[in-house]
Amino acid sequence: MAIAKTHRERAIIITRIIELVREHGRITTKDIVSMFGLHQGTAQKYMHIAIKHGNLIRYGRYGVFCDLRAIIDFDHKRYVHRKDDT
């Protein structure tokens, strides 16, 4: 059984999630689980809090993005990659 995080530890993780999204443009639940060793449900809960506090955007199952431009760039890369495969 995992040890419950203190309020301070949760705040640090949420702040770090916001920073990572701002640095890299995008982060997924899987990334958060592997970086912080959290359960998937806990990672999703922290992501929702980070979205509210950091003015971030959740884009379906593709993760959390820093702004609309990052989403457009992500979709463009997916589209171009898919188009090259055909």
Protein backbone atom coordinates (compact mmCIF):
# COMPACT_ATOMS: atom_id res chain seq x y z
CA MET A 1 0.00 0.00 0.00
CA ALA A 2 1.37 3.39 -0.98
CA ILE A 3 1.96 6.09 1.58
CA ALA A 4 -0.35 9.08 1.21
CA LYS A 5 1.31 12.26 0.00
CA THR A 6 1.25 15.34 2.19
CA HIS A 7 -0.39 18.52 0.96
CA ARG A 8 3.08 19.99 0.35
CA GLU A 9 4.20 16.97 -1.70
CA ARG A 10 1.05 17.13 -3.82
CA ALA A 11 1.56 20.85 -4.42
CA ILE A 12 5.17 20.25 -5.50
CA ILE A 13 4.12 17.52 -7.97
CA ILE A 14 1.33 19.66 -9.42
CA THR A 15 3.67 22.63 -9.79
CA ARG A 16 6.24 20.41 -11.50
CA ILE A 17 3.58 19.09 -13.90
CA ILE A 18 2.73 22.68 -14.89
CA GLU A 19 6.43 23.47 -15.39
CA LEU A 20 6.97 20.37 -17.53
CA VAL A 21 4.02 21.22 -19.77
CA ARG A 22 5.32 24.76 -20.21
CA GLU A 23 8.83 23.46 -21.02
CA HIS A 24 7.88 20.66 -23.40
CA GLY A 25 4.49 21.80 -24.68
CA ARG A 26 2.78 18.51 -23.78
CA ILE A 27 2.65 15.80 -21.14
CA THR A 28 0.60 12.62 -20.87
CA THR A 29 -0.75 10.63 -17.96
CA LYS A 30 1.73 7.89 -18.78
CA ASP A 31 4.59 10.41 -18.50
CA ILE A 32 3.40 11.55 -15.08
CA VAL A 33 2.99 7.98 -13.83
CA SER A 34 6.54 7.08 -14.84
CA MET A 35 8.16 10.33 -13.62
CA PHE A 36 6.56 10.48 -10.20
CA GLY A 37 5.71 6.83 -9.55
CA LEU A 38 2.02 7.56 -9.11
CA HIS A 39 -1.02 5.40 -9.75
CA GLN A 40 -2.80 6.30 -13.00
CA GLY A 41 -5.89 7.60 -11.18
CA THR A 42 -3.78 9.80 -8.93
CA ALA A 43 -1.84 11.12 -11.94
CA GLN A 44 -5.11 12.02 -13.68
CA LYS A 45 -6.36 13.78 -10.56
CA TYR A 46 -3.15 15.82 -10.34
CA MET A 47 -3.41 16.63 -14.06
CA HIS A 48 -6.92 18.02 -13.62
CA ILE A 49 -5.73 20.22 -10.77
CA ALA A 50 -2.74 21.37 -12.86
CA ILE A 51 -5.08 22.20 -15.75
CA LYS A 52 -7.15 24.46 -13.50
CA HIS A 53 -4.21 26.17 -11.80
CA GLY A 54 -1.91 26.44 -14.80
CA ASN A 55 -4.42 27.45 -17.49
CA LEU A 56 -3.51 24.34 -19.46
CA ILE A 57 -5.60 22.50 -22.06
CA ARG A 58 -6.55 18.82 -21.98
CA TYR A 59 -6.80 17.47 -25.52
CA GLY A 60 -8.63 14.17 -25.48
CA ARG A 61 -6.41 11.23 -24.70
CA TYR A 62 -3.36 12.93 -26.21
CA GLY A 63 -2.41 14.70 -23.01
CA VAL A 64 -2.19 18.16 -21.54
CA PHE A 65 -0.91 21.01 -23.68
CA CYS A 66 0.35 24.47 -22.77
CA ASP A 67 -1.73 26.32 -25.38
CA LEU A 68 -3.70 25.98 -28.61
CA ARG A 69 -0.58 26.47 -30.75
CA ALA A 70 0.98 23.35 -29.19
CA ILE A 71 -2.17 21.36 -30.04
CA ILE A 72 -2.12 22.58 -33.64
CA ASP A 73 1.56 21.66 -33.98
CA PHE A 74 0.93 18.23 -32.46
CA ASP A 75 -1.98 17.53 -34.82
CA HIS A 76 0.04 18.75 -37.79
CA LYS A 77 2.90 16.36 -36.98
CA ARG A 78 0.41 13.48 -36.62
CA TYR A 79 -1.27 14.34 -39.92
CA VAL A 80 1.97 14.71 -41.87
CA HIS A 81 3.33 11.49 -40.40
CA ARG A 82 0.16 9.60 -41.28
CA LYS A 83 0.13 11.11 -44.79
CA ASP A 84 3.72 9.94 -45.42
CA ASP A 85 2.79 6.34 -44.53
CA THR A 86 0.23 6.06 -47.33
